[in-house]
Amino acid sequence: MAKVELSTPAPDFELRDYRGDTVRLSHFLGVKHVILVLNRGFA
């Protein structure tokens, strides 16, 4: 995985939400606050 430098914009990525819909980080461009919760699971 490439390093992300400090004080630079986050790279765009996409994930599936709890409904299975694709959500891209770029969908939130211009939104003041975005909270990301990533659950890796423990199996």
N, C-alpha and C. Protein backbone atom coordinates (compact mmCIF):
# COMPACT_ATOMS: atom_id res chain seq x y z
N MET A 1 0.85 -1.17 0.00
CA MET A 1 0.00 0.00 0.00
C MET A 1 0.89 1.23 0.00
N ALA A 2 0.54 2.21 -0.82
CA ALA A 2 1.31 3.45 -0.90
C ALA A 2 1.12 4.29 0.36
N LYS A 3 2.17 4.98 0.75
CA LYS A 3 2.08 5.89 1.90
C LYS A 3 1.29 7.13 1.51
N VAL A 4 0.56 7.66 2.48
CA VAL A 4 -0.17 8.92 2.30
C VAL A 4 0.58 9.97 3.12
N GLU A 5 0.96 11.04 2.47
CA GLU A 5 1.68 12.11 3.15
C GLU A 5 0.73 12.92 4.02
N LEU A 6 1.26 13.45 5.12
CA LEU A 6 0.47 14.30 6.00
C LEU A 6 0.09 15.59 5.30
N SER A 7 -1.04 16.15 5.68
CA SER A 7 -1.54 17.44 5.16
C SER A 7 -1.82 17.41 3.67
N THR A 8 -2.17 16.25 3.14
CA THR A 8 -2.60 16.13 1.74
C THR A 8 -3.99 15.51 1.72
N PRO A 9 -4.75 15.76 0.68
CA PRO A 9 -6.09 15.16 0.60
C PRO A 9 -6.01 13.63 0.59
N ALA A 10 -6.99 13.01 1.21
CA ALA A 10 -7.05 11.54 1.22
C ALA A 10 -7.33 11.03 -0.19
N PRO A 11 -6.74 9.90 -0.56
CA PRO A 11 -7.03 9.34 -1.88
C PRO A 11 -8.48 8.85 -1.94
N ASP A 12 -9.08 8.94 -3.10
CA ASP A 12 -10.45 8.47 -3.26
C ASP A 12 -10.48 6.95 -3.18
N PHE A 13 -11.49 6.41 -2.55
CA PHE A 13 -11.68 4.96 -2.48
C PHE A 13 -13.16 4.68 -2.39
N GLU A 14 -13.53 3.42 -2.59
CA GLU A 14 -14.94 3.05 -2.48
C GLU A 14 -15.07 1.81 -1.61
N LEU A 15 -16.19 1.76 -0.89
CA LEU A 15 -16.55 0.64 -0.02
C LEU A 15 -18.03 0.38 -0.17
N ARG A 16 -18.47 -0.74 0.31
CA ARG A 16 -19.90 -1.05 0.33
C ARG A 16 -20.45 -0.71 1.71
N ASP A 17 -21.64 -0.10 1.73
CA ASP A 17 -22.27 0.21 3.01
C ASP A 17 -23.07 -1.00 3.50
N TYR A 18 -23.77 -0.85 4.60
CA TYR A 18 -24.48 -1.97 5.21
C TYR A 18 -25.62 -2.49 4.33
N ARG A 19 -26.04 -1.71 3.34
CA ARG A 19 -27.08 -2.16 2.41
C ARG A 19 -26.51 -2.77 1.15
N GLY A 20 -25.18 -2.73 1.03
CA GLY A 20 -24.54 -3.27 -0.16
C GLY A 20 -24.34 -2.25 -1.26
N ASP A 21 -24.70 -0.99 -1.00
CA ASP A 21 -24.51 0.08 -1.99
C ASP A 21 -23.07 0.56 -1.97
N THR A 22 -22.54 0.92 -3.13
CA THR A 22 -21.18 1.44 -3.22
C THR A 22 -21.17 2.91 -2.82
N VAL A 23 -20.24 3.25 -1.95
CA VAL A 23 -20.06 4.63 -1.49
C VAL A 23 -18.61 5.00 -1.73
N ARG A 24 -18.38 6.14 -2.37
CA ARG A 24 -17.03 6.64 -2.63
C ARG A 24 -16.74 7.82 -1.71
N LEU A 25 -15.50 7.95 -1.32
CA LEU A 25 -15.11 9.09 -0.50
C LEU A 25 -15.42 10.39 -1.22
N SER A 26 -15.27 10.41 -2.53
CA SER A 26 -15.53 11.63 -3.30
C SER A 26 -17.00 12.05 -3.26
N HIS A 27 -17.92 11.16 -2.86
CA HIS A 27 -19.32 11.53 -2.71
C HIS A 27 -19.50 12.57 -1.62
N PHE A 28 -18.54 12.65 -0.71
CA PHE A 28 -18.64 13.55 0.44
C PHE A 28 -17.81 14.82 0.26
N LEU A 29 -17.32 15.09 -0.96
CA LEU A 29 -16.54 16.28 -1.23
C LEU A 29 -17.39 17.51 -0.90
N GLY A 30 -16.85 18.39 -0.07
CA GLY A 30 -17.57 19.60 0.33
C GLY A 30 -18.33 19.45 1.63
N VAL A 31 -18.49 18.22 2.13
CA VAL A 31 -19.16 17.99 3.42
C VAL A 31 -18.14 18.30 4.52
N LYS A 32 -18.55 19.09 5.51
CA LYS A 32 -17.61 19.55 6.52
C LYS A 32 -17.06 18.43 7.39
N HIS A 33 -17.90 17.49 7.82
CA HIS A 33 -17.45 16.41 8.70
C HIS A 33 -17.88 15.06 8.12
N VAL A 34 -16.95 14.16 8.07
CA VAL A 34 -17.23 12.79 7.63
C VAL A 34 -16.60 11.84 8.64
N ILE A 35 -17.39 10.91 9.14
CA ILE A 35 -16.88 9.92 10.09
C ILE A 35 -16.86 8.56 9.39
N LEU A 36 -15.71 7.93 9.40
CA LEU A 36 -15.57 6.60 8.81
C LEU A 36 -15.41 5.59 9.94
N VAL A 37 -16.19 4.53 9.91
CA VAL A 37 -16.08 3.46 10.87
C VAL A 37 -15.75 2.20 10.10
N LEU A 38 -14.59 1.65 10.34
CA LEU A 38 -14.15 0.45 9.64
C LEU A 38 -14.07 -0.69 10.66
N ASN A 39 -14.78 -1.77 10.39
CA ASN A 39 -14.79 -2.92 11.28
C ASN A 39 -14.11 -4.08 10.57
N ARG A 40 -12.93 -4.45 11.03
CA ARG A 40 -12.19 -5.55 10.42
C ARG A 40 -12.74 -6.90 10.85
N GLY A 41 -13.49 -6.94 11.92
CA GLY A 41 -14.03 -8.19 12.42
C GLY A 41 -12.98 -8.96 13.21
N PHE A 42 -13.44 -9.82 14.06
CA PHE A 42 -12.55 -10.64 14.87
C PHE A 42 -13.03 -12.07 14.82
N ALA A 43 -12.38 -12.85 13.98
CA ALA A 43 -12.80 -14.25 13.84
C ALA A 43 -11.69 -15.18 14.24
